[in-house]
Amino acid sequence: MANEGQVLVEVLHGSHNPAGGGCEGCASAANCSSNIDYSIQTEKLAENLKGEYGDKVQVNYIDVDKTSLKDYPMVDQVLQMGYPYPITLINGEPKFAGGILLPEIKSVIDKLLEQ
């Protein structure tokens, strides 16, 4: 949970997608992102955002294979629509799917911090 006035960025990743996404749904193994360690990518994201925004942003990695999606009902809906992991939430709202998109994440954070 983020502190008051802080932007919370959460990266959720897992191996099971109820809509058939992920590696089992890949047309080609060459395009599969299963070799990417999103916990490490999230750490890099956190370092980058901390350097840019300091304590105004909190970043968390959630491995949904180890935890439940019950705390993230909107993510379950996003997965049902066929969007792939990782799913990036900003302040609890799903914003991006399929990768960690640094420029886009920064754009959303900038807009939130302007408010």
Protein backbone atom coordinates (compact mmCIF):
# COMPACT_ATOMS: atom_id res chain seq x y z
CA MET A 1 0.00 0.00 0.00
CA ALA A 2 1.35 3.41 -0.96
CA ASN A 3 1.52 6.31 1.46
CA GLU A 4 -0.68 9.38 1.04
CA GLY A 5 0.39 11.36 -2.02
CA GLN A 6 2.53 8.49 -3.29
CA VAL A 7 1.98 6.74 -6.64
CA LEU A 8 1.83 2.95 -6.40
CA VAL A 9 3.14 0.95 -9.37
CA GLU A 10 2.52 -2.80 -9.22
CA VAL A 11 3.80 -5.33 -11.73
CA LEU A 12 1.86 -8.59 -11.65
CA HIS A 13 3.24 -11.66 -13.37
CA GLY A 14 2.24 -15.29 -13.46
CA SER A 15 2.32 -18.37 -15.63
CA HIS A 16 -1.41 -19.06 -15.89
CA ASN A 17 -3.68 -16.90 -18.02
CA PRO A 18 -7.31 -18.04 -18.01
CA ALA A 19 -7.83 -16.67 -21.54
CA GLY A 20 -5.00 -18.76 -22.94
CA GLY A 21 -2.31 -16.09 -23.11
CA GLY A 22 1.24 -16.60 -22.05
CA CYS A 23 3.62 -19.18 -23.45
CA GLU A 24 0.98 -21.80 -24.02
CA GLY A 25 -0.80 -19.32 -26.29
CA CYS A 26 2.31 -18.16 -28.17
CA ALA A 27 2.35 -18.77 -31.90
CA SER A 28 6.12 -19.01 -31.79
CA ALA A 29 8.50 -19.90 -28.99
CA ALA A 30 10.84 -17.23 -30.36
CA ASN A 31 8.32 -14.57 -29.34
CA CYS A 32 7.72 -15.99 -25.89
CA SER A 33 8.74 -13.75 -22.99
CA SER A 34 9.00 -16.60 -20.46
CA ASN A 35 12.78 -16.18 -20.32
CA ILE A 36 12.40 -12.68 -18.89
CA ASP A 37 12.62 -12.47 -15.10
CA TYR A 38 10.04 -9.80 -14.37
CA SER A 39 11.02 -9.60 -10.71
CA ILE A 40 14.45 -8.35 -11.83
CA GLN A 41 12.88 -6.08 -14.47
CA THR A 42 10.63 -4.65 -11.73
CA GLU A 43 13.68 -3.98 -9.54
CA LYS A 44 15.25 -2.06 -12.44
CA LEU A 45 12.01 -0.15 -12.91
CA ALA A 46 11.96 0.71 -9.20
CA GLU A 47 15.57 1.97 -9.33
CA ASN A 48 14.80 4.11 -12.37
CA LEU A 49 11.64 5.58 -10.88
CA LYS A 50 13.28 6.19 -7.50
CA GLY A 51 16.06 8.09 -9.26
CA GLU A 52 13.50 10.22 -11.07
CA TYR A 53 10.77 10.63 -8.44
CA GLY A 54 12.35 9.71 -5.12
CA ASP A 55 9.85 8.65 -2.48
CA LYS A 56 6.87 9.88 -4.51
CA VAL A 57 6.62 6.44 -6.16
CA GLN A 58 6.46 2.96 -4.67
CA VAL A 59 7.02 -0.09 -6.89
CA ASN A 60 5.96 -3.65 -6.01
CA TYR A 61 6.34 -6.96 -7.85
CA ILE A 62 3.57 -9.50 -7.33
CA ASP A 63 4.04 -13.12 -8.38
CA VAL A 64 0.45 -14.29 -8.80
CA ASP A 65 1.59 -17.91 -8.88
CA LYS A 66 2.50 -17.47 -5.20
CA THR A 67 -0.35 -15.15 -4.22
CA SER A 68 -3.97 -14.87 -5.23
CA LEU A 69 -5.65 -12.54 -7.70
CA LYS A 70 -8.48 -12.08 -5.17
CA ASP A 71 -7.01 -8.70 -4.22
CA TYR A 72 -6.86 -7.76 -7.92
CA PRO A 73 -10.29 -8.44 -9.44
CA MET A 74 -9.68 -5.97 -12.28
CA VAL A 75 -6.56 -7.90 -13.29
CA ASP A 76 -8.57 -11.09 -13.54
CA GLN A 77 -10.95 -9.26 -15.91
CA VAL A 78 -8.00 -7.98 -17.98
CA LEU A 79 -6.62 -11.52 -18.26
CA GLN A 80 -10.05 -12.85 -19.25
CA MET A 81 -10.01 -10.34 -22.14
CA GLY A 82 -6.81 -11.97 -23.37
CA TYR A 83 -4.16 -9.47 -22.30
CA PRO A 84 -0.84 -11.11 -21.38
CA TYR A 85 1.33 -10.84 -18.29
CA PRO A 86 2.96 -8.81 -16.96
CA ILE A 87 0.12 -6.48 -16.06
CA THR A 88 1.17 -3.07 -14.72
CA LEU A 89 -1.19 -1.35 -12.31
CA ILE A 90 -0.85 2.27 -11.32
CA ASN A 91 -2.73 3.23 -8.17
CA GLY A 92 -4.70 -0.01 -8.49
CA GLU A 93 -5.80 0.48 -12.11
CA PRO A 94 -4.52 -1.82 -14.87
CA LYS A 95 -2.66 0.40 -17.34
CA PHE A 96 -0.31 -1.79 -19.41
CA ALA A 97 0.05 -5.44 -20.38
CA GLY A 98 2.68 -7.58 -22.05
CA GLY A 99 5.79 -5.79 -20.81
CA ILE A 100 7.19 -3.13 -18.53
CA LEU A 101 6.80 0.07 -20.52
CA LEU A 102 8.98 2.66 -18.78
CA PRO A 103 8.17 5.77 -20.89
CA GLU A 104 4.44 5.08 -20.68
CA ILE A 105 4.61 4.42 -16.92
CA LYS A 106 6.50 7.70 -16.41
CA SER A 107 3.89 9.56 -18.46
CA VAL A 108 1.08 8.30 -16.24
CA ILE A 109 3.07 9.09 -13.07
CA ASP A 110 3.80 12.62 -14.33
CA LYS A 111 0.08 13.23 -14.91
CA LEU A 112 -0.83 11.88 -11.47
CA LEU A 113 1.80 13.99 -9.71
CA GLU A 114 0.62 17.14 -11.52
CA GLN A 115 -2.84 16.76 -9.98
